[in-house]
């Protein structure tokens, strides 16, 4: 029997030793009673074409997944495991699999109450192998349940103010002010450096994947100047980071900020189930409620406009409904 490992090696049992010697002499090694043959398309093809079908474990036919380009090693392993589970479910060779078999497996996962993300990932893994790599099937019409869009929870403006006032530590309060006032992610605010603040142009140069310039209000500029003078110069002088940790050359950890945020929620009487990201969500929704253009919100937040429309559609539609004009007001033509 020949099997395939996640590392892409073919494992051959003693019963197939004669075939192994004939086709791959000197290319394998023995370990714990089994023969290991490093995988390649040439090895894969020889095994499939020359070994008896009954001696080939169905997993061997999945080898092309491990050679796929443009996907990470982690994704390859995940897709391999998904296809292995499917092979064990359907008990067929790849060329015998039909669209009905794929649909039956998807329905099986749904019946087992697997998470929708798991079902979708399984579909993508099966589609990669049977449609794109082998070209056997067209899985475009496989039925997958659609997920109802969730409505992001946000704080009211009054709750945000109460949250800020509940924090007495100057550094922690400025972290919350900047995160809400500029729509920053947690990873962005903790990695801010002093040099990222352009006082002359009142701009914050946000670091990270979505680099962008965010306007700073006069209030925030004043808060930052005060913090630098009263906290940074006394406790974190020479640290490159605006929000430094005990080790001055490192930023405050995201874990520390999350703990601080939970305490702030508790002290302000808000639910501690909220995560730090609610500040960014609240910032975006409050801009939507103030009728800011989505392209402007996109530019400030670093989020694609299409994603804003999708994620915050409930709030966008709510604002549209509340904006119906009074058509009996003829003051514009008087």
C-alpha atoms as a PDB file:
ATOM      1  CA  UNK A   1       0.000   0.000   0.000  1.00  0.00           C
ATOM      2  CA  UNK A   2       1.168   3.529  -0.898  1.00  0.00           C
ATOM      3  CA  UNK A   3       0.020   6.541   1.120  1.00  0.00           C
ATOM      4  CA  UNK A   4       0.744  10.278   0.976  1.00  0.00           C
ATOM      5  CA  UNK A   5       1.798  12.388   3.958  1.00  0.00           C
ATOM      6  CA  UNK A   6       1.038  16.067   4.562  1.00  0.00           C
ATOM      7  CA  UNK A   7       4.721  16.820   3.882  1.00  0.00           C
ATOM      8  CA  UNK A   8       4.381  15.448   0.365  1.00  0.00           C
ATOM      9  CA  UNK A   9       6.244  12.178   0.904  1.00  0.00           C
ATOM     10  CA  UNK A  10       4.910   8.860  -0.340  1.00  0.00           C
ATOM     11  CA  UNK A  11       4.981   6.100   2.289  1.00  0.00           C
ATOM     12  CA  UNK A  12       5.240   2.547   0.965  1.00  0.00           C
ATOM     13  CA  UNK A  13       4.621  -0.633   2.925  1.00  0.00           C
ATOM     14  CA  UNK A  14       6.806  -3.751   2.720  1.00  0.00           C
ATOM     15  CA  UNK A  15       4.279  -5.512   0.467  1.00  0.00           C
ATOM     16  CA  UNK A  16       5.107  -3.040  -2.359  1.00  0.00           C
ATOM     17  CA  UNK A  17       8.890  -3.254  -1.933  1.00  0.00           C
ATOM     18  CA  UNK A  18       9.400  -5.082  -5.231  1.00  0.00           C
ATOM     19  CA  UNK A  19       7.644  -2.343  -7.236  1.00  0.00           C
ATOM     20  CA  UNK A  20       9.492   0.311  -5.261  1.00  0.00           C
ATOM     21  CA  UNK A  21      12.854  -1.179  -6.200  1.00  0.00           C
ATOM     22  CA  UNK A  22      11.861  -1.526  -9.834  1.00  0.00           C
ATOM     23  CA  UNK A  23      10.718   2.079 -10.376  1.00  0.00           C
ATOM     24  CA  UNK A  24      12.559   4.026  -7.658  1.00  0.00           C
ATOM     25  CA  UNK A  25      15.715   2.126  -6.758  1.00  0.00           C
ATOM     26  CA  UNK A  26      18.092   4.226  -4.651  1.00  0.00           C
ATOM     27  CA  UNK A  27      15.610   7.105  -4.249  1.00  0.00           C
ATOM     28  CA  UNK A  28      13.896   6.105  -1.002  1.00  0.00           C
ATOM     29  CA  UNK A  29      14.831   5.645   2.644  1.00  0.00           C
ATOM     30  CA  UNK A  30      13.528   3.393   5.379  1.00  0.00           C
ATOM     31  CA  UNK A  31      12.149   4.616   8.688  1.00  0.00           C
ATOM     32  CA  UNK A  32      10.188   2.746  11.388  1.00  0.00           C
ATOM     33  CA  UNK A  33       9.437  -0.183   9.098  1.00  0.00           C
ATOM     34  CA  UNK A  34       8.169   1.946   6.180  1.00  0.00           C
ATOM     35  CA  UNK A  35       9.796   3.205   2.993  1.00  0.00           C
ATOM     36  CA  UNK A  36       9.671   6.958   2.357  1.00  0.00           C
ATOM     37  CA  UNK A  37       9.850   8.377  -1.159  1.00  0.00           C
ATOM     38  CA  UNK A  38      10.185  12.192  -1.554  1.00  0.00           C
ATOM     39  CA  UNK A  39       7.308  13.501  -3.635  1.00  0.00           C
ATOM     40  CA  UNK A  40       7.399  15.125  -7.066  1.00  0.00           C
ATOM     41  CA  UNK A  41       5.053  15.140 -10.057  1.00  0.00           C
ATOM     42  CA  UNK A  42       7.294  12.565 -11.733  1.00  0.00           C
ATOM     43  CA  UNK A  43       7.074  10.238  -8.716  1.00  0.00           C
ATOM     44  CA  UNK A  44       3.327  10.830  -8.405  1.00  0.00           C
ATOM     45  CA  UNK A  45       2.747  10.021 -12.086  1.00  0.00           C
ATOM     46  CA  UNK A  46       4.808   6.843 -11.950  1.00  0.00           C
ATOM     47  CA  UNK A  47       2.959   5.569  -8.906  1.00  0.00           C
ATOM     48  CA  UNK A  48      -0.487   6.292 -10.362  1.00  0.00           C
ATOM     49  CA  UNK A  49       0.399   4.755 -13.752  1.00  0.00           C
ATOM     50  CA  UNK A  50       2.380   1.695 -12.640  1.00  0.00           C
ATOM     51  CA  UNK A  51       1.265   0.568  -9.181  1.00  0.00           C
ATOM     52  CA  UNK A  52      -1.844  -1.659  -8.908  1.00  0.00           C
ATOM     53  CA  UNK A  53      -4.934   0.418  -8.111  1.00  0.00           C
ATOM     54  CA  UNK A  54      -5.649  -1.607  -4.986  1.00  0.00           C
ATOM     55  CA  UNK A  55      -2.154  -0.697  -3.700  1.00  0.00           C
ATOM     56  CA  UNK A  56      -2.754   3.074  -4.010  1.00  0.00           C
ATOM     57  CA  UNK A  57      -4.446   4.809  -1.103  1.00  0.00           C
ATOM     58  CA  UNK A  58      -6.974   7.483  -2.290  1.00  0.00           C
ATOM     59  CA  UNK A  59      -4.898  10.196  -0.571  1.00  0.00           C
ATOM     60  CA  UNK A  60      -2.165   9.737  -3.204  1.00  0.00           C
ATOM     61  CA  UNK A  61      -4.413  11.259  -5.840  1.00  0.00           C
ATOM     62  CA  UNK A  62      -4.422  14.505  -3.836  1.00  0.00           C
ATOM     63  CA  UNK A  63      -0.730  15.150  -4.460  1.00  0.00           C
ATOM     64  CA  UNK A  64      -1.338  18.013  -6.979  1.00  0.00           C
ATOM     65  CA  UNK A  65      -2.742  20.100  -4.102  1.00  0.00           C
ATOM     66  CA  UNK A  66       0.643  20.069  -2.355  1.00  0.00           C
ATOM     67  CA  UNK A  67       2.333  21.335  -5.536  1.00  0.00           C
ATOM     68  CA  UNK A  68      -0.144  24.167  -6.133  1.00  0.00           C
ATOM     69  CA  UNK A  69       1.440  27.596  -6.543  1.00  0.00           C
ATOM     70  CA  UNK A  70       0.152  30.913  -5.181  1.00  0.00           C
ATOM     71  CA  UNK A  71      -1.230  29.496  -1.931  1.00  0.00           C
ATOM     72  CA  UNK A  72       0.576  29.250   1.394  1.00  0.00           C
ATOM     73  CA  UNK A  73       1.879  26.029   2.952  1.00  0.00           C
ATOM     74  CA  UNK A  74      -0.725  26.371   5.678  1.00  0.00           C
ATOM     75  CA  UNK A  75      -3.538  26.593   3.107  1.00  0.00           C
ATOM     76  CA  UNK A  76      -2.135  23.623   1.183  1.00  0.00           C
ATOM     77  CA  UNK A  77      -2.207  21.490   4.325  1.00  0.00           C
ATOM     78  CA  UNK A  78      -5.738  22.632   5.146  1.00  0.00           C
ATOM     79  CA  UNK A  79      -7.017  21.958   1.606  1.00  0.00           C
ATOM     80  CA  UNK A  80      -5.278  18.573   1.577  1.00  0.00           C
ATOM     81  CA  UNK A  81      -6.963  17.576   4.847  1.00  0.00           C
ATOM     82  CA  UNK A  82     -10.372  18.740   3.604  1.00  0.00           C
ATOM     83  CA  UNK A  83     -10.020  16.734   0.404  1.00  0.00           C
ATOM     84  CA  UNK A  84      -8.814  13.734   2.402  1.00  0.00           C
ATOM     85  CA  UNK A  85     -11.947  13.956   4.558  1.00  0.00           C
ATOM     86  CA  UNK A  86     -14.054  14.141   1.411  1.00  0.00           C
ATOM     87  CA  UNK A  87     -12.327  11.082  -0.121  1.00  0.00           C
ATOM     88  CA  UNK A  88     -13.070   9.119   3.059  1.00  0.00           C
ATOM     89  CA  UNK A  89     -16.699  10.309   2.870  1.00  0.00           C
ATOM     90  CA  UNK A  90     -17.333   9.548  -0.811  1.00  0.00           C
ATOM     91  CA  UNK A  91     -15.021   6.496  -1.171  1.00  0.00           C
ATOM     92  CA  UNK A  92     -14.306   7.163  -4.850  1.00  0.00           C
ATOM     93  CA  UNK A  93     -11.320   7.972  -7.027  1.00  0.00           C
ATOM     94  CA  UNK A  94     -11.150  11.608  -8.222  1.00  0.00           C
ATOM     95  CA  UNK A  95     -12.235  10.796 -11.793  1.00  0.00           C
ATOM     96  CA  UNK A  96     -15.345   9.038 -10.433  1.00  0.00           C
ATOM     97  CA  UNK A  97     -16.493  12.001  -8.319  1.00  0.00           C
ATOM     98  CA  UNK A  98     -19.533  13.958  -9.554  1.00  0.00           C
ATOM     99  CA  UNK A  99     -21.111  17.316  -8.726  1.00  0.00           C
ATOM    100  CA  UNK A 100     -23.773  15.384  -6.788  1.00  0.00           C
ATOM    101  CA  UNK A 101     -21.058  13.906  -4.560  1.00  0.00           C
ATOM    102  CA  UNK A 102     -19.722  17.387  -3.785  1.00  0.00           C
ATOM    103  CA  UNK A 103     -23.225  18.680  -3.005  1.00  0.00           C
ATOM    104  CA  UNK A 104     -23.891  15.648  -0.813  1.00  0.00           C
ATOM    105  CA  UNK A 105     -20.736  16.383   1.205  1.00  0.00           C
ATOM    106  CA  UNK A 106     -21.635  20.067   1.594  1.00  0.00           C
ATOM    107  CA  UNK A 107     -25.124  19.067   2.749  1.00  0.00           C
ATOM    108  CA  UNK A 108     -23.532  16.584   5.159  1.00  0.00           C
ATOM    109  CA  UNK A 109     -21.408  19.352   6.725  1.00  0.00           C
ATOM    110  CA  UNK A 110     -24.477  21.578   7.065  1.00  0.00           C
ATOM    111  CA  UNK A 111     -26.455  18.745   8.651  1.00  0.00           C
ATOM    112  CA  UNK A 112     -23.598  18.263  11.116  1.00  0.00           C
ATOM    113  CA  UNK A 113     -24.062  21.972  11.997  1.00  0.00           C
ATOM    114  CA  UNK A 114     -20.565  22.933  10.955  1.00  0.00           C
ATOM    115  CA  UNK A 115     -19.874  26.665  10.952  1.00  0.00           C
ATOM    116  CA  UNK A 116     -20.618  28.449   7.695  1.00  0.00           C
ATOM    117  CA  UNK A 117     -16.966  29.488   7.407  1.00  0.00           C
ATOM    118  CA  UNK A 118     -15.986  25.789   7.594  1.00  0.00           C
ATOM    119  CA  UNK A 119     -18.506  24.876   4.884  1.00  0.00           C
ATOM    120  CA  UNK A 120     -17.253  27.653   2.600  1.00  0.00           C
ATOM    121  CA  UNK A 121     -13.608  26.701   3.135  1.00  0.00           C
ATOM    122  CA  UNK A 122     -14.440  23.068   2.324  1.00  0.00           C
ATOM    123  CA  UNK A 123     -16.152  24.186  -0.881  1.00  0.00           C
ATOM    124  CA  UNK A 124     -13.129  26.271  -1.902  1.00  0.00           C
ATOM    125  CA  UNK A 125     -10.763  23.346  -1.229  1.00  0.00           C
ATOM    126  CA  UNK A 126     -12.860  20.913  -3.262  1.00  0.00           C
ATOM    127  CA  UNK A 127     -13.288  23.428  -6.069  1.00  0.00           C
ATOM    128  CA  UNK A 128      -9.530  23.996  -6.260  1.00  0.00           C
ATOM    129  CA  UNK A 129      -8.851  20.283  -6.673  1.00  0.00           C
ATOM    130  CA  UNK A 130     -11.725  19.005  -8.829  1.00  0.00           C
ATOM    131  CA  UNK A 131     -12.379  22.096 -10.955  1.00  0.00           C
ATOM    132  CA  UNK A 132      -9.122  24.022 -11.242  1.00  0.00           C
ATOM    133  CA  UNK A 133      -6.446  21.333 -10.881  1.00  0.00           C
ATOM    134  CA  UNK A 134      -8.152  18.320 -12.460  1.00  0.00           C
ATOM    135  CA  UNK A 135     -10.688  20.139 -14.651  1.00  0.00           C
ATOM    136  CA  UNK A 136     -13.258  17.384 -14.104  1.00  0.00           C
ATOM    137  CA  UNK A 137     -16.186  19.283 -12.632  1.00  0.00           C
ATOM    138  CA  UNK A 138     -18.013  22.603 -12.693  1.00  0.00           C
ATOM    139  CA  UNK A 139     -18.863  23.472  -9.092  1.00  0.00           C
ATOM    140  CA  UNK A 140     -20.273  26.925  -9.797  1.00  0.00           C
ATOM    141  CA  UNK A 141     -23.812  25.814  -9.005  1.00  0.00           C
ATOM    142  CA  UNK A 142     -23.169  24.003  -5.725  1.00  0.00           C
ATOM    143  CA  UNK A 143     -25.656  25.310  -3.162  1.00  0.00           C
ATOM    144  CA  UNK A 144     -24.058  26.937  -0.128  1.00  0.00           C
ATOM    145  CA  UNK A 145     -26.187  28.758   2.466  1.00  0.00           C
ATOM    146  CA  UNK A 146     -25.684  32.510   2.587  1.00  0.00           C
ATOM    147  CA  UNK A 147     -24.763  34.181   5.817  1.00  0.00           C
ATOM    148  CA  UNK A 148     -27.025  36.943   7.029  1.00  0.00           C
ATOM    149  CA  UNK A 149     -24.967  40.129   7.317  1.00  0.00           C
ATOM    150  CA  UNK A 150     -24.331  40.974  10.949  1.00  0.00           C
ATOM    151  CA  UNK A 151     -24.844  44.498  12.253  1.00  0.00           C
ATOM    152  CA  UNK A 152     -21.691  45.844  13.940  1.00  0.00           C
ATOM    153  CA  UNK A 153     -22.308  46.974  17.500  1.00  0.00           C
ATOM    154  CA  UNK A 154     -21.339  50.564  18.205  1.00  0.00           C
ATOM    155  CA  UNK A 155     -21.290  52.934  21.141  1.00  0.00           C
ATOM    156  CA  UNK A 156     -23.331  56.115  21.239  1.00  0.00           C
ATOM    157  CA  UNK A 157     -21.494  59.437  21.330  1.00  0.00           C
ATOM    158  CA  UNK A 158     -22.540  59.791  24.973  1.00  0.00           C
ATOM    159  CA  UNK A 159     -21.121  56.344  25.804  1.00  0.00           C
ATOM    160  CA  UNK A 160     -17.817  57.191  24.098  1.00  0.00           C
ATOM    161  CA  UNK A 161     -17.548  60.357  26.194  1.00  0.00           C
ATOM    162  CA  UNK A 162     -18.327  58.402  29.361  1.00  0.00           C
ATOM    163  CA  UNK A 163     -15.686  55.821  28.440  1.00  0.00           C
ATOM    164  CA  UNK A 164     -13.022  58.501  27.929  1.00  0.00           C
ATOM    165  CA  UNK A 165     -13.884  60.213  31.215  1.00  0.00           C
ATOM    166  CA  UNK A 166     -13.712  56.885  33.071  1.00  0.00           C
ATOM    167  CA  UNK A 167      -9.981  56.599  32.255  1.00  0.00           C
ATOM    168  CA  UNK A 168      -7.725  58.672  34.515  1.00  0.00           C
ATOM    169  CA  UNK A 169      -4.337  57.503  33.237  1.00  0.00           C
ATOM    170  CA  UNK A 170      -3.129  60.074  30.663  1.00  0.00           C
ATOM    171  CA  UNK A 171      -1.500  57.536  28.354  1.00  0.00           C
ATOM    172  CA  UNK A 172      -4.504  55.214  28.381  1.00  0.00           C
ATOM    173  CA  UNK A 173      -6.938  58.057  27.818  1.00  0.00           C
ATOM    174  CA  UNK A 174      -5.003  59.331  24.808  1.00  0.00           C
ATOM    175  CA  UNK A 175      -4.946  55.818  23.340  1.00  0.00           C
ATOM    176  CA  UNK A 176      -8.749  55.769  23.457  1.00  0.00           C
ATOM    177  CA  UNK A 177      -9.064  59.351  22.185  1.00  0.00           C
ATOM    178  CA  UNK A 178      -6.788  58.710  19.190  1.00  0.00           C
ATOM    179  CA  UNK A 179      -8.396  55.359  18.367  1.00  0.00           C
ATOM    180  CA  UNK A 180     -11.895  56.804  18.325  1.00  0.00           C
ATOM    181  CA  UNK A 181     -10.975  60.251  17.018  1.00  0.00           C
ATOM    182  CA  UNK A 182      -8.977  58.880  14.059  1.00  0.00           C
ATOM    183  CA  UNK A 183     -10.655  55.503  13.511  1.00  0.00           C
ATOM    184  CA  UNK A 184      -7.521  53.478  14.279  1.00  0.00           C
ATOM    185  CA  UNK A 185      -7.148  49.741  14.683  1.00  0.00           C
ATOM    186  CA  UNK A 186      -5.555  48.449  17.886  1.00  0.00           C
ATOM    187  CA  UNK A 187      -2.423  47.374  15.985  1.00  0.00           C
ATOM    188  CA  UNK A 188      -2.155  50.829  14.449  1.00  0.00           C
ATOM    189  CA  UNK A 189      -2.464  52.845  17.648  1.00  0.00           C
ATOM    190  CA  UNK A 190       0.068  50.781  19.639  1.00  0.00           C
ATOM    191  CA  UNK A 191       2.658  51.096  16.846  1.00  0.00           C
ATOM    192  CA  UNK A 192       2.383  54.863  16.506  1.00  0.00           C
ATOM    193  CA  UNK A 193       5.717  56.636  16.733  1.00  0.00           C
ATOM    194  CA  UNK A 194       6.361  60.203  17.793  1.00  0.00           C
ATOM    195  CA  UNK A 195       7.619  60.977  14.286  1.00  0.00           C
ATOM    196  CA  UNK A 196       4.218  59.934  12.875  1.00  0.00           C
ATOM    197  CA  UNK A 197       2.676  63.132  14.243  1.00  0.00           C
ATOM    198  CA  UNK A 198       2.940  66.030  11.807  1.00  0.00           C
ATOM    199  CA  UNK A 199       2.175  69.032  14.022  1.00  0.00           C
ATOM    200  CA  UNK A 200       2.816  71.529  11.252  1.00  0.00           C
ATOM    201  CA  UNK A 201       0.112  70.089   8.983  1.00  0.00           C
ATOM    202  CA  UNK A 202      -2.100  68.642  11.777  1.00  0.00           C
ATOM    203  CA  UNK A 203      -1.853  65.153  10.313  1.00  0.00           C
ATOM    204  CA  UNK A 204      -1.331  61.697  11.790  1.00  0.00           C
ATOM    205  CA  UNK A 205       0.702  59.371   9.558  1.00  0.00           C
ATOM    206  CA  UNK A 206      -0.827  55.983  10.338  1.00  0.00           C
ATOM    207  CA  UNK A 207       1.698  53.117  10.067  1.00  0.00           C
ATOM    208  CA  UNK A 208       1.043  49.528   9.054  1.00  0.00           C
ATOM    209  CA  UNK A 209      -0.550  47.767   6.105  1.00  0.00           C
ATOM    210  CA  UNK A 210      -3.028  50.568   5.324  1.00  0.00           C
ATOM    211  CA  UNK A 211      -0.685  53.554   5.478  1.00  0.00           C
ATOM    212  CA  UNK A 212      -2.587  56.809   5.304  1.00  0.00           C
ATOM    213  CA  UNK A 213      -2.718  60.378   6.566  1.00  0.00           C
ATOM    214  CA  UNK A 214      -5.527  61.199   8.989  1.00  0.00           C
ATOM    215  CA  UNK A 215      -6.400  64.816   9.864  1.00  0.00           C
ATOM    216  CA  UNK A 216      -5.911  65.735  13.519  1.00  0.00           C
ATOM    217  CA  UNK A 217      -8.358  68.126  15.171  1.00  0.00           C
ATOM    218  CA  UNK A 218      -7.120  71.020  17.284  1.00  0.00           C
ATOM    219  CA  UNK A 219      -8.347  69.244  20.434  1.00  0.00           C
ATOM    220  CA  UNK A 220      -6.322  66.130  19.606  1.00  0.00           C
ATOM    221  CA  UNK A 221      -3.237  68.180  18.737  1.00  0.00           C
ATOM    222  CA  UNK A 222      -3.484  69.917  22.133  1.00  0.00           C
ATOM    223  CA  UNK A 223      -3.969  66.560  23.908  1.00  0.00           C
ATOM    224  CA  UNK A 224      -0.912  65.060  22.207  1.00  0.00           C
ATOM    225  CA  UNK A 225       1.272  68.097  22.999  1.00  0.00           C
ATOM    226  CA  UNK A 226       0.202  67.949  26.643  1.00  0.00           C
ATOM    227  CA  UNK A 227       0.877  64.191  26.817  1.00  0.00           C
ATOM    228  CA  UNK A 228       4.333  64.564  25.286  1.00  0.00           C
ATOM    229  CA  UNK A 229       5.236  67.273  27.763  1.00  0.00           C
ATOM    230  CA  UNK A 230       3.770  65.797  30.937  1.00  0.00           C
ATOM    231  CA  UNK A 231       4.115  62.032  30.386  1.00  0.00           C
ATOM    232  CA  UNK A 232       6.375  61.129  27.477  1.00  0.00           C
ATOM    233  CA  UNK A 233       9.310  63.413  28.386  1.00  0.00           C
ATOM    234  CA  UNK A 234       9.231  62.217  32.006  1.00  0.00           C
ATOM    235  CA  UNK A 235       8.645  58.481  31.556  1.00  0.00           C
ATOM    236  CA  UNK A 236       9.462  57.536  27.976  1.00  0.00           C
ATOM    237  CA  UNK A 237      12.044  60.019  26.756  1.00  0.00           C
ATOM    238  CA  UNK A 238      14.051  58.751  23.774  1.00  0.00           C
ATOM    239  CA  UNK A 239      11.504  55.999  23.033  1.00  0.00           C
ATOM    240  CA  UNK A 240      10.541  56.005  19.347  1.00  0.00           C
ATOM    241  CA  UNK A 241       7.023  54.935  20.293  1.00  0.00           C
ATOM    242  CA  UNK A 242       4.301  57.354  21.319  1.00  0.00           C
ATOM    243  CA  UNK A 243       2.832  54.721  23.651  1.00  0.00           C
ATOM    244  CA  UNK A 244       5.902  53.007  25.073  1.00  0.00           C
ATOM    245  CA  UNK A 245       6.091  49.947  27.305  1.00  0.00           C
ATOM    246  CA  UNK A 246       8.340  49.452  30.340  1.00  0.00           C
ATOM    247  CA  UNK A 247      11.047  48.594  27.841  1.00  0.00           C
ATOM    248  CA  UNK A 248      11.270  52.019  26.224  1.00  0.00           C
ATOM    249  CA  UNK A 249      12.351  50.647  22.840  1.00  0.00           C
ATOM    250  CA  UNK A 250       9.123  48.609  22.531  1.00  0.00           C
ATOM    251  CA  UNK A 251       5.507  49.733  22.164  1.00  0.00           C
ATOM    252  CA  UNK A 252       2.809  48.953  24.705  1.00  0.00           C
ATOM    253  CA  UNK A 253       1.393  45.489  23.987  1.00  0.00           C
ATOM    254  CA  UNK A 254      -2.037  44.955  22.449  1.00  0.00           C
ATOM    255  CA  UNK A 255      -2.827  42.667  25.380  1.00  0.00           C
ATOM    256  CA  UNK A 256      -2.160  45.481  27.881  1.00  0.00           C
ATOM    257  CA  UNK A 257      -4.427  47.838  25.925  1.00  0.00           C
ATOM    258  CA  UNK A 258      -7.228  45.253  25.795  1.00  0.00           C
ATOM    259  CA  UNK A 259      -7.011  44.794  29.584  1.00  0.00           C
ATOM    260  CA  UNK A 260      -7.065  48.560  30.086  1.00  0.00           C
ATOM    261  CA  UNK A 261     -10.072  48.849  27.774  1.00  0.00           C
ATOM    262  CA  UNK A 262     -12.019  46.190  29.709  1.00  0.00           C
ATOM    263  CA  UNK A 263     -11.409  48.116  32.935  1.00  0.00           C
ATOM    264  CA  UNK A 264     -12.556  51.340  31.270  1.00  0.00           C
ATOM    265  CA  UNK A 265     -15.755  49.637  30.105  1.00  0.00           C
ATOM    266  CA  UNK A 266     -16.379  48.366  33.632  1.00  0.00           C
ATOM    267  CA  UNK A 267     -15.743  51.767  35.222  1.00  0.00           C
ATOM    268  CA  UNK A 268     -18.044  53.525  32.759  1.00  0.00           C
ATOM    269  CA  UNK A 269     -20.883  51.053  33.300  1.00  0.00           C
ATOM    270  CA  UNK A 270     -20.670  49.516  29.808  1.00  0.00           C
ATOM    271  CA  UNK A 271     -20.676  45.831  28.948  1.00  0.00           C
ATOM    272  CA  UNK A 272     -17.242  44.208  29.143  1.00  0.00           C
ATOM    273  CA  UNK A 273     -18.085  41.966  26.171  1.00  0.00           C
ATOM    274  CA  UNK A 274     -17.058  44.796  23.833  1.00  0.00           C
ATOM    275  CA  UNK A 275     -13.660  44.615  22.173  1.00  0.00           C
ATOM    276  CA  UNK A 276     -11.329  47.507  21.435  1.00  0.00           C
ATOM    277  CA  UNK A 277     -12.406  47.432  17.773  1.00  0.00           C
ATOM    278  CA  UNK A 278     -15.768  48.929  18.778  1.00  0.00           C
ATOM    279  CA  UNK A 279     -14.036  52.334  18.896  1.00  0.00           C
ATOM    280  CA  UNK A 280     -13.180  52.137  15.176  1.00  0.00           C
ATOM    281  CA  UNK A 281     -16.660  50.831  14.311  1.00  0.00           C
ATOM    282  CA  UNK A 282     -18.235  53.658  16.311  1.00  0.00           C
ATOM    283  CA  UNK A 283     -16.016  56.234  14.568  1.00  0.00           C
ATOM    284  CA  UNK A 284     -17.082  55.030  11.107  1.00  0.00           C
ATOM    285  CA  UNK A 285     -20.792  54.785  11.970  1.00  0.00           C
ATOM    286  CA  UNK A 286     -20.805  58.227  13.588  1.00  0.00           C
ATOM    287  CA  UNK A 287     -19.261  59.677  10.409  1.00  0.00           C
ATOM    288  CA  UNK A 288     -21.969  57.938   8.372  1.00  0.00           C
ATOM    289  CA  UNK A 289     -24.619  59.416  10.665  1.00  0.00           C
ATOM    290  CA  UNK A 290     -23.061  62.864  10.133  1.00  0.00           C
ATOM    291  CA  UNK A 291     -23.543  62.296   6.365  1.00  0.00           C
ATOM    292  CA  UNK A 292     -19.851  62.133   5.434  1.00  0.00           C
ATOM    293  CA  UNK A 293     -19.148  60.786   1.923  1.00  0.00           C
ATOM    294  CA  UNK A 294     -18.152  57.122   1.884  1.00  0.00           C
ATOM    295  CA  UNK A 295     -15.065  57.857  -0.200  1.00  0.00           C
ATOM    296  CA  UNK A 296     -13.903  60.301   2.491  1.00  0.00           C
ATOM    297  CA  UNK A 297     -14.555  57.721   5.227  1.00  0.00           C
ATOM    298  CA  UNK A 298     -12.654  55.166   3.139  1.00  0.00           C
ATOM    299  CA  UNK A 299      -9.675  57.488   2.811  1.00  0.00           C
ATOM    300  CA  UNK A 300      -9.591  58.254   6.534  1.00  0.00           C
ATOM    301  CA  UNK A 301     -10.182  54.703   7.783  1.00  0.00           C
ATOM    302  CA  UNK A 302      -8.072  52.869   5.194  1.00  0.00           C
ATOM    303  CA  UNK A 303     -11.022  50.564   4.485  1.00  0.00           C
ATOM    304  CA  UNK A 304     -12.241  49.973   0.930  1.00  0.00           C
ATOM    305  CA  UNK A 305     -15.493  51.760   0.116  1.00  0.00           C
ATOM    306  CA  UNK A 306     -17.108  48.487  -1.001  1.00  0.00           C
ATOM    307  CA  UNK A 307     -16.306  46.917   2.363  1.00  0.00           C
ATOM    308  CA  UNK A 308     -17.764  49.917   4.207  1.00  0.00           C
ATOM    309  CA  UNK A 309     -20.968  49.603   2.165  1.00  0.00           C
ATOM    310  CA  UNK A 310     -21.184  45.902   2.940  1.00  0.00           C
ATOM    311  CA  UNK A 311     -20.256  45.961   6.631  1.00  0.00           C
ATOM    312  CA  UNK A 312     -22.187  49.104   7.617  1.00  0.00           C
ATOM    313  CA  UNK A 313     -25.125  48.774   5.188  1.00  0.00           C
ATOM    314  CA  UNK A 314     -27.665  48.829   8.047  1.00  0.00           C
ATOM    315  CA  UNK A 315     -26.496  52.242   9.245  1.00  0.00           C
ATOM    316  CA  UNK A 316     -26.112  53.623   5.704  1.00  0.00           C
ATOM    317  CA  UNK A 317     -29.694  52.623   4.827  1.00  0.00           C
ATOM    318  CA  UNK A 318     -30.956  53.982   8.140  1.00  0.00           C
ATOM    319  CA  UNK A 319     -29.463  57.396   7.374  1.00  0.00           C
ATOM    320  CA  UNK A 320     -30.995  57.330   3.867  1.00  0.00           C
ATOM    321  CA  UNK A 321     -34.463  56.591   5.266  1.00  0.00           C
ATOM    322  CA  UNK A 322     -34.202  59.448   7.748  1.00  0.00           C
ATOM    323  CA  UNK A 323     -33.168  61.861   4.997  1.00  0.00           C
ATOM    324  CA  UNK A 324     -36.485  61.848   3.081  1.00  0.00           C
ATOM    325  CA  UNK A 325     -37.184  65.531   2.376  1.00  0.00           C
ATOM    326  CA  UNK A 326     -40.458  67.305   3.055  1.00  0.00           C
ATOM    327  CA  UNK A 327     -41.836  67.596  -0.477  1.00  0.00           C
ATOM    328  CA  UNK A 328     -44.555  69.987   0.730  1.00  0.00           C
ATOM    329  CA  UNK A 329     -41.938  72.526   1.752  1.00  0.00           C
ATOM    330  CA  UNK A 330     -41.898  74.905  -1.206  1.00  0.00           C
ATOM    331  CA  UNK A 331     -39.505  77.427   0.308  1.00  0.00           C
ATOM    332  CA  UNK A 332     -36.992  76.615  -2.429  1.00  0.00           C
ATOM    333  CA  UNK A 333     -39.324  78.016  -5.083  1.00  0.00           C
ATOM    334  CA  UNK A 334     -40.962  80.815  -3.134  1.00  0.00           C
END
